[in-house]
Amino acid sequence: MKNVEANATGVIIFGEYLDGHASDVEVRACAPACGVNEDPVCGSGSGAMAAFIRHTKQADYFGKHVQASQGAVLGREGVIYLTISDDSIQVGGNAVTCIDGEISVG
């Protein structure tokens, strides 16, 4: 159900990996109000997680460069690279085109 007060349609959950894992955190992104039970690799969700880390002053703990894994449990594993600075959050990684087309307006 959509949280109207917060204008939220989903939730991002993340947890830190123990030493020795290639990634720093595992991210899970769910937006059932939008018909997305779980997004296998969600750049906007990982960006929101990075904003949360910065806002809660945890960037010194997690680091300015965070590697996030997502989607393995769904069989669509991916990695997102995040850079956290005082004035920006950068989200990067590789993508696969799943659909291509054009939209005409007017």
PDB file of N, CA and C in Angstrom:
ATOM      1  N   MET A   1       0.838  -1.173   0.000  1.00  0.00           N
ATOM      2  CA  MET A   1       0.000   0.000   0.000  1.00  0.00           C
ATOM      3  C   MET A   1       0.888   1.244   0.000  1.00  0.00           C
ATOM      4  N   LYS A   2       0.491   2.230  -0.744  1.00  0.00           N
ATOM      5  CA  LYS A   2       1.284   3.452  -0.872  1.00  0.00           C
ATOM      6  C   LYS A   2       1.194   4.295   0.399  1.00  0.00           C
ATOM      7  N   ASN A   3       2.346   4.790   0.857  1.00  0.00           N
ATOM      8  CA  ASN A   3       2.399   5.687   1.998  1.00  0.00           C
ATOM      9  C   ASN A   3       2.180   7.095   1.473  1.00  0.00           C
ATOM     10  N   VAL A   4       0.942   7.596   1.568  1.00  0.00           N
ATOM     11  CA  VAL A   4       0.572   8.876   0.980  1.00  0.00           C
ATOM     12  C   VAL A   4       1.276  10.031   1.675  1.00  0.00           C
ATOM     13  N   GLU A   5       1.399   9.995   2.989  1.00  0.00           N
ATOM     14  CA  GLU A   5       2.026  11.092   3.710  1.00  0.00           C
ATOM     15  C   GLU A   5       3.472  11.303   3.271  1.00  0.00           C
ATOM     16  N   ALA A   6       4.217  10.246   3.097  1.00  0.00           N
ATOM     17  CA  ALA A   6       5.623  10.349   2.697  1.00  0.00           C
ATOM     18  C   ALA A   6       5.781  10.301   1.182  1.00  0.00           C
ATOM     19  N   ASN A   7       4.671  10.092   0.463  1.00  0.00           N
ATOM     20  CA  ASN A   7       4.700   9.929  -0.984  1.00  0.00           C
ATOM     21  C   ASN A   7       5.658   8.808  -1.385  1.00  0.00           C
ATOM     22  N   ALA A   8       5.667   7.740  -0.591  1.00  0.00           N
ATOM     23  CA  ALA A   8       6.560   6.606  -0.822  1.00  0.00           C
ATOM     24  C   ALA A   8       5.785   5.457  -1.467  1.00  0.00           C
ATOM     25  N   THR A   9       6.433   4.786  -2.391  1.00  0.00           N
ATOM     26  CA  THR A   9       5.819   3.636  -3.047  1.00  0.00           C
ATOM     27  C   THR A   9       6.565   2.347  -2.786  1.00  0.00           C
ATOM     28  N   GLY A  10       7.708   2.435  -2.105  1.00  0.00           N
ATOM     29  CA  GLY A  10       8.502   1.240  -1.870  1.00  0.00           C
ATOM     30  C   GLY A  10       9.475   1.436  -0.737  1.00  0.00           C
ATOM     31  N   VAL A  11      10.377   0.467  -0.630  1.00  0.00           N
ATOM     32  CA  VAL A  11      11.352   0.488   0.459  1.00  0.00           C
ATOM     33  C   VAL A  11      12.679  -0.066  -0.049  1.00  0.00           C
ATOM     34  N   ILE A  12      13.764   0.485   0.479  1.00  0.00           N
ATOM     35  CA  ILE A  12      15.112  -0.006   0.213  1.00  0.00           C
ATOM     36  C   ILE A  12      15.650  -0.552   1.523  1.00  0.00           C
ATOM     37  N   ILE A  13      16.181  -1.752   1.475  1.00  0.00           N
ATOM     38  CA  ILE A  13      16.796  -2.369   2.653  1.00  0.00           C
ATOM     39  C   ILE A  13      18.242  -2.673   2.274  1.00  0.00           C
ATOM     40  N   PHE A  14      19.174  -2.366   3.162  1.00  0.00           N
ATOM     41  CA  PHE A  14      20.566  -2.688   2.861  1.00  0.00           C
ATOM     42  C   PHE A  14      21.263  -3.182   4.111  1.00  0.00           C
ATOM     43  N   GLY A  15      22.268  -4.004   3.893  1.00  0.00           N
ATOM     44  CA  GLY A  15      23.065  -4.527   4.992  1.00  0.00           C
ATOM     45  C   GLY A  15      24.512  -4.646   4.568  1.00  0.00           C
ATOM     46  N   GLU A  16      25.373  -4.484   5.535  1.00  0.00           N
ATOM     47  CA  GLU A  16      26.807  -4.516   5.293  1.00  0.00           C
ATOM     48  C   GLU A  16      27.301  -5.956   5.171  1.00  0.00           C
ATOM     49  N   TYR A  17      28.203  -6.188   4.226  1.00  0.00           N
ATOM     50  CA  TYR A  17      28.872  -7.480   4.121  1.00  0.00           C
ATOM     51  C   TYR A  17      30.040  -7.526   5.098  1.00  0.00           C
ATOM     52  N   LEU A  18      30.367  -8.723   5.536  1.00  0.00           N
ATOM     53  CA  LEU A  18      31.551  -8.915   6.354  1.00  0.00           C
ATOM     54  C   LEU A  18      32.789  -8.815   5.476  1.00  0.00           C
ATOM     55  N   ASP A  19      33.928  -8.635   6.090  1.00  0.00           N
ATOM     56  CA  ASP A  19      35.186  -8.555   5.347  1.00  0.00           C
ATOM     57  C   ASP A  19      35.347  -9.766   4.438  1.00  0.00           C
ATOM     58  N   GLY A  20      35.960  -9.532   3.294  1.00  0.00           N
ATOM     59  CA  GLY A  20      36.223 -10.620   2.377  1.00  0.00           C
ATOM     60  C   GLY A  20      35.247 -10.721   1.222  1.00  0.00           C
ATOM     61  N   HIS A  21      34.141 -10.007   1.268  1.00  0.00           N
ATOM     62  CA  HIS A  21      33.188 -10.025   0.162  1.00  0.00           C
ATOM     63  C   HIS A  21      33.570  -8.931  -0.831  1.00  0.00           C
ATOM     64  N   ALA A  22      33.324  -9.175  -2.108  1.00  0.00           N
ATOM     65  CA  ALA A  22      33.685  -8.192  -3.136  1.00  0.00           C
ATOM     66  C   ALA A  22      32.930  -6.878  -2.978  1.00  0.00           C
ATOM     67  N   SER A  23      31.684  -6.945  -2.505  1.00  0.00           N
ATOM     68  CA  SER A  23      30.876  -5.736  -2.318  1.00  0.00           C
ATOM     69  C   SER A  23      30.863  -5.304  -0.864  1.00  0.00           C
ATOM     70  N   ASP A  24      30.527  -4.038  -0.665  1.00  0.00           N
ATOM     71  CA  ASP A  24      30.441  -3.490   0.689  1.00  0.00           C
ATOM     72  C   ASP A  24      29.075  -3.747   1.316  1.00  0.00           C
ATOM     73  N   VAL A  25      28.013  -3.665   0.487  1.00  0.00           N
ATOM     74  CA  VAL A  25      26.651  -3.828   0.999  1.00  0.00           C
ATOM     75  C   VAL A  25      25.819  -4.645   0.016  1.00  0.00           C
ATOM     76  N   GLU A  26      24.759  -5.236   0.529  1.00  0.00           N
ATOM     77  CA  GLU A  26      23.720  -5.889  -0.279  1.00  0.00           C
ATOM     78  C   GLU A  26      22.489  -5.008  -0.184  1.00  0.00           C
ATOM     79  N   VAL A  27      21.855  -4.749  -1.321  1.00  0.00           N
ATOM     80  CA  VAL A  27      20.680  -3.884  -1.379  1.00  0.00           C
ATOM     81  C   VAL A  27      19.497  -4.699  -1.878  1.00  0.00           C
ATOM     82  N   ARG A  28      18.329  -4.460  -1.292  1.00  0.00           N
ATOM     83  CA  ARG A  28      17.069  -5.039  -1.780  1.00  0.00           C
ATOM     84  C   ARG A  28      16.101  -3.880  -1.975  1.00  0.00           C
ATOM     85  N   ALA A  29      15.436  -3.835  -3.108  1.00  0.00           N
ATOM     86  CA  ALA A  29      14.522  -2.747  -3.443  1.00  0.00           C
ATOM     87  C   ALA A  29      13.159  -3.326  -3.810  1.00  0.00           C
ATOM     88  N   CYS A  30      12.133  -2.921  -3.080  1.00  0.00           N
ATOM     89  CA  CYS A  30      10.782  -3.428  -3.308  1.00  0.00           C
ATOM     90  C   CYS A  30       9.815  -2.251  -3.437  1.00  0.00           C
ATOM     91  N   ALA A  31       8.943  -2.304  -4.438  1.00  0.00           N
ATOM     92  CA  ALA A  31       7.932  -1.258  -4.646  1.00  0.00           C
ATOM     93  C   ALA A  31       6.619  -1.897  -5.062  1.00  0.00           C
ATOM     94  N   PRO A  32       6.007  -2.674  -4.170  1.00  0.00           N
ATOM     95  CA  PRO A  32       4.784  -3.387  -4.537  1.00  0.00           C
ATOM     96  C   PRO A  32       3.618  -2.469  -4.914  1.00  0.00           C
ATOM     97  N   ALA A  33       3.598  -1.234  -4.412  1.00  0.00           N
ATOM     98  CA  ALA A  33       2.531  -0.304  -4.781  1.00  0.00           C
ATOM     99  C   ALA A  33       2.593   0.059  -6.257  1.00  0.00           C
ATOM    100  N   CYS A  34       3.763  -0.141  -6.863  1.00  0.00           N
ATOM    101  CA  CYS A  34       3.951   0.137  -8.300  1.00  0.00           C
ATOM    102  C   CYS A  34       3.975  -1.144  -9.117  1.00  0.00           C
ATOM    103  N   GLY A  35       3.665  -2.264  -8.479  1.00  0.00           N
ATOM    104  CA  GLY A  35       3.672  -3.542  -9.186  1.00  0.00           C
ATOM    105  C   GLY A  35       5.044  -4.166  -9.311  1.00  0.00           C
ATOM    106  N   VAL A  36       6.011  -3.686  -8.528  1.00  0.00           N
ATOM    107  CA  VAL A  36       7.369  -4.232  -8.559  1.00  0.00           C
ATOM    108  C   VAL A  36       7.636  -4.909  -7.216  1.00  0.00           C
ATOM    109  N   ASN A  37       7.452  -6.230  -7.180  1.00  0.00           N
ATOM    110  CA  ASN A  37       7.696  -6.935  -5.915  1.00  0.00           C
ATOM    111  C   ASN A  37       9.139  -6.768  -5.471  1.00  0.00           C
ATOM    112  N   GLU A  38      10.086  -6.895  -6.417  1.00  0.00           N
ATOM    113  CA  GLU A  38      11.485  -6.611  -6.121  1.00  0.00           C
ATOM    114  C   GLU A  38      12.201  -6.270  -7.411  1.00  0.00           C
ATOM    115  N   ASP A  39      12.924  -5.161  -7.383  1.00  0.00           N
ATOM    116  CA  ASP A  39      13.733  -4.733  -8.523  1.00  0.00           C
ATOM    117  C   ASP A  39      15.088  -5.409  -8.387  1.00  0.00           C
ATOM    118  N   PRO A  40      15.530  -6.170  -9.398  1.00  0.00           N
ATOM    119  CA  PRO A  40      16.783  -6.910  -9.249  1.00  0.00           C
ATOM    120  C   PRO A  40      18.003  -6.017  -9.045  1.00  0.00           C
ATOM    121  N   VAL A  41      18.107  -4.910  -9.792  1.00  0.00           N
ATOM    122  CA  VAL A  41      19.232  -3.985  -9.616  1.00  0.00           C
ATOM    123  C   VAL A  41      18.676  -2.577  -9.815  1.00  0.00           C
ATOM    124  N   CYS A  42      18.605  -1.822  -8.738  1.00  0.00           N
ATOM    125  CA  CYS A  42      17.902  -0.540  -8.735  1.00  0.00           C
ATOM    126  C   CYS A  42      18.866   0.608  -8.444  1.00  0.00           C
ATOM    127  N   GLY A  43      19.271   1.316  -9.492  1.00  0.00           N
ATOM    128  CA  GLY A  43      20.186   2.442  -9.324  1.00  0.00           C
ATOM    129  C   GLY A  43      19.600   3.557  -8.492  1.00  0.00           C
ATOM    130  N   SER A  44      18.320   3.861  -8.693  1.00  0.00           N
ATOM    131  CA  SER A  44      17.707   4.934  -7.910  1.00  0.00           C
ATOM    132  C   SER A  44      17.608   4.541  -6.440  1.00  0.00           C
ATOM    133  N   GLY A  45      17.345   3.281  -6.176  1.00  0.00           N
ATOM    134  CA  GLY A  45      17.301   2.817  -4.782  1.00  0.00           C
ATOM    135  C   GLY A  45      18.674   2.856  -4.132  1.00  0.00           C
ATOM    136  N   SER A  46      19.692   2.442  -4.872  1.00  0.00           N
ATOM    137  CA  SER A  46      21.046   2.495  -4.325  1.00  0.00           C
ATOM    138  C   SER A  46      21.485   3.937  -4.119  1.00  0.00           C
ATOM    139  N   GLY A  47      21.074   4.834  -5.018  1.00  0.00           N
ATOM    140  CA  GLY A  47      21.364   6.255  -4.837  1.00  0.00           C
ATOM    141  C   GLY A  47      20.701   6.810  -3.591  1.00  0.00           C
ATOM    142  N   ALA A  48      19.455   6.376  -3.342  1.00  0.00           N
ATOM    143  CA  ALA A  48      18.756   6.797  -2.123  1.00  0.00           C
ATOM    144  C   ALA A  48      19.464   6.263  -0.882  1.00  0.00           C
ATOM    145  N   MET A  49      19.966   5.025  -0.959  1.00  0.00           N
ATOM    146  CA  MET A  49      20.727   4.468   0.160  1.00  0.00           C
ATOM    147  C   MET A  49      21.970   5.312   0.422  1.00  0.00           C
ATOM    148  N   ALA A  50      22.673   5.712  -0.643  1.00  0.00           N
ATOM    149  CA  ALA A  50      23.864   6.551  -0.487  1.00  0.00           C
ATOM    150  C   ALA A  50      23.500   7.895   0.138  1.00  0.00           C
ATOM    151  N   ALA A  51      22.356   8.451  -0.259  1.00  0.00           N
ATOM    152  CA  ALA A  51      21.902   9.712   0.341  1.00  0.00           C
ATOM    153  C   ALA A  51      21.608   9.524   1.824  1.00  0.00           C
ATOM    154  N   PHE A  52      21.030   8.377   2.179  1.00  0.00           N
ATOM    155  CA  PHE A  52      20.776   8.073   3.591  1.00  0.00           C
ATOM    156  C   PHE A  52      22.089   7.961   4.357  1.00  0.00           C
ATOM    157  N   ILE A  53      23.063   7.277   3.787  1.00  0.00           N
ATOM    158  CA  ILE A  53      24.375   7.143   4.433  1.00  0.00           C
ATOM    159  C   ILE A  53      24.989   8.521   4.667  1.00  0.00           C
ATOM    160  N   ARG A  54      24.909   9.382   3.663  1.00  0.00           N
ATOM    161  CA  ARG A  54      25.464  10.732   3.813  1.00  0.00           C
ATOM    162  C   ARG A  54      24.680  11.530   4.847  1.00  0.00           C
ATOM    163  N   HIS A  55      23.345  11.491   4.766  1.00  0.00           N
ATOM    164  CA  HIS A  55      22.489  12.268   5.670  1.00  0.00           C
ATOM    165  C   HIS A  55      22.688  11.870   7.131  1.00  0.00           C
ATOM    166  N   THR A  56      22.901  10.578   7.363  1.00  0.00           N
ATOM    167  CA  THR A  56      23.072  10.090   8.740  1.00  0.00           C
ATOM    168  C   THR A  56      24.536  10.094   9.174  1.00  0.00           C
ATOM    169  N   LYS A  57      25.378  10.738   8.360  1.00  0.00           N
ATOM    170  CA  LYS A  57      26.803  10.922   8.675  1.00  0.00           C
ATOM    171  C   LYS A  57      27.546   9.594   8.879  1.00  0.00           C
ATOM    172  N   GLN A  58      27.205   8.613   8.024  1.00  0.00           N
ATOM    173  CA  GLN A  58      27.866   7.314   8.076  1.00  0.00           C
ATOM    174  C   GLN A  58      28.865   7.120   6.929  1.00  0.00           C
ATOM    175  N   ALA A  59      29.118   8.184   6.151  1.00  0.00           N
ATOM    176  CA  ALA A  59      30.031   8.056   5.016  1.00  0.00           C
ATOM    177  C   ALA A  59      31.452   7.729   5.468  1.00  0.00           C
ATOM    178  N   ASP A  60      31.859   8.213   6.627  1.00  0.00           N
ATOM    179  CA  ASP A  60      33.195   7.859   7.122  1.00  0.00           C
ATOM    180  C   ASP A  60      33.268   6.372   7.441  1.00  0.00           C
ATOM    181  N   TYR A  61      32.160   5.801   7.910  1.00  0.00           N
ATOM    182  CA  TYR A  61      32.128   4.378   8.248  1.00  0.00           C
ATOM    183  C   TYR A  61      32.119   3.517   6.976  1.00  0.00           C
ATOM    184  N   PHE A  62      31.197   3.818   6.046  1.00  0.00           N
ATOM    185  CA  PHE A  62      31.055   3.018   4.830  1.00  0.00           C
ATOM    186  C   PHE A  62      32.093   3.382   3.773  1.00  0.00           C
ATOM    187  N   GLY A  63      32.614   4.587   3.829  1.00  0.00           N
ATOM    188  CA  GLY A  63      33.571   5.062   2.838  1.00  0.00           C
ATOM    189  C   GLY A  63      32.898   5.927   1.793  1.00  0.00           C
ATOM    190  N   LYS A  64      33.683   6.673   1.082  1.00  0.00           N
ATOM    191  CA  LYS A  64      33.168   7.563   0.033  1.00  0.00           C
ATOM    192  C   LYS A  64      32.860   6.807  -1.258  1.00  0.00           C
ATOM    193  N   HIS A  65      33.428   5.616  -1.398  1.00  0.00           N
ATOM    194  CA  HIS A  65      33.181   4.765  -2.569  1.00  0.00           C
ATOM    195  C   HIS A  65      32.591   3.449  -2.053  1.00  0.00           C
ATOM    196  N   VAL A  66      31.357   3.181  -2.439  1.00  0.00           N
ATOM    197  CA  VAL A  66      30.632   2.005  -1.949  1.00  0.00           C
ATOM    198  C   VAL A  66      30.245   1.134  -3.139  1.00  0.00           C
ATOM    199  N   GLN A  67      30.531  -0.145  -3.024  1.00  0.00           N
ATOM    200  CA  GLN A  67      30.107  -1.118  -4.039  1.00  0.00           C
ATOM    201  C   GLN A  67      28.924  -1.878  -3.483  1.00  0.00           C
ATOM    202  N   ALA A  68      27.798  -1.825  -4.192  1.00  0.00           N
ATOM    203  CA  ALA A  68      26.562  -2.467  -3.744  1.00  0.00           C
ATOM    204  C   ALA A  68      26.205  -3.623  -4.671  1.00  0.00           C
ATOM    205  N   SER A  69      25.936  -4.784  -4.096  1.00  0.00           N
ATOM    206  CA  SER A  69      25.449  -5.946  -4.844  1.00  0.00           C
ATOM    207  C   SER A  69      23.941  -6.009  -4.700  1.00  0.00           C
ATOM    208  N   GLN A  70      23.296  -6.511  -5.738  1.00  0.00           N
ATOM    209  CA  GLN A  70      21.841  -6.626  -5.693  1.00  0.00           C
ATOM    210  C   GLN A  70      21.394  -7.647  -6.726  1.00  0.00           C
ATOM    211  N   GLY A  71      20.291  -8.332  -6.462  1.00  0.00           N
ATOM    212  CA  GLY A  71      19.648  -9.191  -7.442  1.00  0.00           C
ATOM    213  C   GLY A  71      20.063 -10.646  -7.464  1.00  0.00           C
ATOM    214  N   ALA A  72      21.088 -11.050  -6.707  1.00  0.00           N
ATOM    215  CA  ALA A  72      21.541 -12.447  -6.750  1.00  0.00           C
ATOM    216  C   ALA A  72      20.432 -13.413  -6.358  1.00  0.00           C
ATOM    217  N   VAL A  73      19.655 -13.049  -5.357  1.00  0.00           N
ATOM    218  CA  VAL A  73      18.583 -13.934  -4.889  1.00  0.00           C
ATOM    219  C   VAL A  73      17.503 -14.116  -5.962  1.00  0.00           C
ATOM    220  N   LEU A  74      17.425 -13.186  -6.914  1.00  0.00           N
ATOM    221  CA  LEU A  74      16.449 -13.273  -7.999  1.00  0.00           C
ATOM    222  C   LEU A  74      17.042 -13.892  -9.262  1.00  0.00           C
ATOM    223  N   GLY A  75      18.333 -14.260  -9.202  1.00  0.00           N
ATOM    224  CA  GLY A  75      18.991 -14.816 -10.364  1.00  0.00           C
ATOM    225  C   GLY A  75      19.389 -13.772 -11.392  1.00  0.00           C
ATOM    226  N   ARG A  76      19.461 -12.500 -10.982  1.00  0.00           N
ATOM    227  CA  ARG A  76      19.834 -11.404 -11.884  1.00  0.00           C
ATOM    228  C   ARG A  76      20.817 -10.484 -11.165  1.00  0.00           C
ATOM    229  N   GLU A  77      21.945 -11.056 -10.791  1.00  0.00           N
ATOM    230  CA  GLU A  77      22.924 -10.343  -9.975  1.00  0.00           C
ATOM    231  C   GLU A  77      23.532  -9.162 -10.720  1.00  0.00           C
ATOM    232  N   GLY A  78      23.701  -8.070  -9.993  1.00  0.00           N
ATOM    233  CA  GLY A  78      24.325  -6.884 -10.543  1.00  0.00           C
ATOM    234  C   GLY A  78      25.097  -6.143  -9.471  1.00  0.00           C
ATOM    235  N   VAL A  79      25.917  -5.214  -9.915  1.00  0.00           N
ATOM    236  CA  VAL A  79      26.735  -4.413  -9.010  1.00  0.00           C
ATOM    237  C   VAL A  79      26.548  -2.945  -9.370  1.00  0.00           C
ATOM    238  N   ILE A  80      26.397  -2.127  -8.361  1.00  0.00           N
ATOM    239  CA  ILE A  80      26.281  -0.679  -8.541  1.00  0.00           C
ATOM    240  C   ILE A  80      27.409  -0.027  -7.764  1.00  0.00           C
ATOM    241  N   TYR A  81      28.055   0.953  -8.394  1.00  0.00           N
ATOM    242  CA  TYR A  81      29.162   1.683  -7.776  1.00  0.00           C
ATOM    243  C   TYR A  81      28.677   3.073  -7.384  1.00  0.00           C
ATOM    244  N   LEU A  82      28.885   3.419  -6.131  1.00  0.00           N
ATOM    245  CA  LEU A  82      28.410   4.695  -5.603  1.00  0.00           C
ATOM    246  C   LEU A  82      29.586   5.527  -5.112  1.00  0.00           C
ATOM    247  N   THR A  83      29.551   6.811  -5.409  1.00  0.00           N
ATOM    248  CA  THR A  83      30.527   7.753  -4.886  1.00  0.00           C
ATOM    249  C   THR A  83      29.751   8.798  -4.098  1.00  0.00           C
ATOM    250  N   ILE A  84      30.115   8.966  -2.839  1.00  0.00           N
ATOM    251  CA  ILE A  84      29.407   9.877  -1.937  1.00  0.00           C
ATOM    252  C   ILE A  84      30.321  11.050  -1.614  1.00  0.00           C
ATOM    253  N   SER A  85      29.856  12.262  -1.922  1.00  0.00           N
ATOM    254  CA  SER A  85      30.603  13.457  -1.532  1.00  0.00           C
ATOM    255  C   SER A  85      29.640  14.417  -0.842  1.00  0.00           C
ATOM    256  N   ASP A  86      30.168  15.515  -0.340  1.00  0.00           N
ATOM    257  CA  ASP A  86      29.323  16.468   0.375  1.00  0.00           C
ATOM    258  C   ASP A  86      28.279  17.110  -0.523  1.00  0.00           C
ATOM    259  N   ASP A  87      28.568  17.244  -1.817  1.00  0.00           N
ATOM    260  CA  ASP A  87      27.634  17.947  -2.697  1.00  0.00           C
ATOM    261  C   ASP A  87      27.003  17.077  -3.785  1.00  0.00           C
ATOM    262  N   SER A  88      27.362  15.791  -3.843  1.00  0.00           N
ATOM    263  CA  SER A  88      26.743  14.942  -4.860  1.00  0.00           C
ATOM    264  C   SER A  88      26.853  13.468  -4.503  1.00  0.00           C
ATOM    265  N   ILE A  89      26.005  12.701  -5.168  1.00  0.00           N
ATOM    266  CA  ILE A  89      26.062  11.240  -5.104  1.00  0.00           C
ATOM    267  C   ILE A  89      26.079  10.761  -6.543  1.00  0.00           C
ATOM    268  N   GLN A  90      27.074   9.959  -6.878  1.00  0.00           N
ATOM    269  CA  GLN A  90      27.180   9.427  -8.230  1.00  0.00           C
ATOM    270  C   GLN A  90      26.863   7.935  -8.196  1.00  0.00           C
ATOM    271  N   VAL A  91      26.057   7.509  -9.150  1.00  0.00           N
ATOM    272  CA  VAL A  91      25.634   6.118  -9.269  1.00  0.00           C
ATOM    273  C   VAL A  91      26.125   5.599 -10.612  1.00  0.00           C
ATOM    274  N   GLY A  92      26.813   4.468 -10.598  1.00  0.00           N
ATOM    275  CA  GLY A  92      27.332   3.931 -11.846  1.00  0.00           C
ATOM    276  C   GLY A  92      27.300   2.423 -11.884  1.00  0.00           C
ATOM    277  N   GLY A  93      27.545   1.889 -13.062  1.00  0.00           N
ATOM    278  CA  GLY A  93      27.572   0.447 -13.259  1.00  0.00           C
ATOM    279  C   GLY A  93      27.271   0.129 -14.702  1.00  0.00           C
ATOM    280  N   ASN A  94      27.071  -1.125 -14.996  1.00  0.00           N
ATOM    281  CA  ASN A  94      26.724  -1.567 -16.341  1.00  0.00           C
ATOM    282  C   ASN A  94      25.230  -1.801 -16.422  1.00  0.00           C
ATOM    283  N   ALA A  95      24.680  -1.691 -17.625  1.00  0.00           N
ATOM    284  CA  ALA A  95      23.243  -1.882 -17.815  1.00  0.00           C
ATOM    285  C   ALA A  95      22.990  -2.765 -19.031  1.00  0.00           C
ATOM    286  N   VAL A  96      21.841  -3.384 -19.037  1.00  0.00           N
ATOM    287  CA  VAL A  96      21.394  -4.201 -20.160  1.00  0.00           C
ATOM    288  C   VAL A  96      20.074  -3.611 -20.644  1.00  0.00           C
ATOM    289  N   THR A  97      19.970  -3.332 -21.928  1.00  0.00           N
ATOM    290  CA  THR A  97      18.717  -2.813 -22.485  1.00  0.00           C
ATOM    291  C   THR A  97      17.707  -3.954 -22.552  1.00  0.00           C
ATOM    292  N   CYS A  98      16.588  -3.780 -21.864  1.00  0.00           N
ATOM    293  CA  CYS A  98      15.538  -4.803 -21.852  1.00  0.00           C
ATOM    294  C   CYS A  98      14.398  -4.449 -22.799  1.00  0.00           C
ATOM    295  N   ILE A  99      14.239  -3.165 -23.089  1.00  0.00           N
ATOM    296  CA  ILE A  99      13.192  -2.708 -23.987  1.00  0.00           C
ATOM    297  C   ILE A  99      13.691  -1.438 -24.658  1.00  0.00           C
ATOM    298  N   ASP A 100      13.321  -1.245 -25.897  1.00  0.00           N
ATOM    299  CA  ASP A 100      13.770  -0.074 -26.637  1.00  0.00           C
ATOM    300  C   ASP A 100      12.580   0.439 -27.432  1.00  0.00           C
ATOM    301  N   GLY A 101      12.451   1.745 -27.537  1.00  0.00           N
ATOM    302  CA  GLY A 101      11.339   2.294 -28.303  1.00  0.00           C
ATOM    303  C   GLY A 101      11.367   3.799 -28.305  1.00  0.00           C
ATOM    304  N   GLU A 102      10.286   4.386 -28.797  1.00  0.00           N
ATOM    305  CA  GLU A 102      10.138   5.833 -28.855  1.00  0.00           C
ATOM    306  C   GLU A 102       8.785   6.225 -28.306  1.00  0.00           C
ATOM    307  N   ILE A 103       8.741   7.422 -27.747  1.00  0.00           N
ATOM    308  CA  ILE A 103       7.491   7.990 -27.266  1.00  0.00           C
ATOM    309  C   ILE A 103       7.291   9.308 -27.979  1.00  0.00           C
ATOM    310  N   SER A 104       6.115   9.479 -28.589  1.00  0.00           N
ATOM    311  CA  SER A 104       5.778  10.746 -29.243  1.00  0.00           C
ATOM    312  C   SER A 104       4.800  11.497 -28.364  1.00  0.00           C
ATOM    313  N   VAL A 105       5.103  12.767 -28.119  1.00  0.00           N
ATOM    314  CA  VAL A 105       4.225  13.604 -27.309  1.00  0.00           C
ATOM    315  C   VAL A 105       3.692  14.708 -28.196  1.00  0.00           C
ATOM    316  N   GLY A 106       2.377  14.894 -28.123  1.00  0.00           N
ATOM    317  CA  GLY A 106       1.803  16.014 -28.871  1.00  0.00           C
ATOM    318  C   GLY A 106       0.984  15.580 -29.947  1.00  0.00           C
TER     319      GLY A 106
END
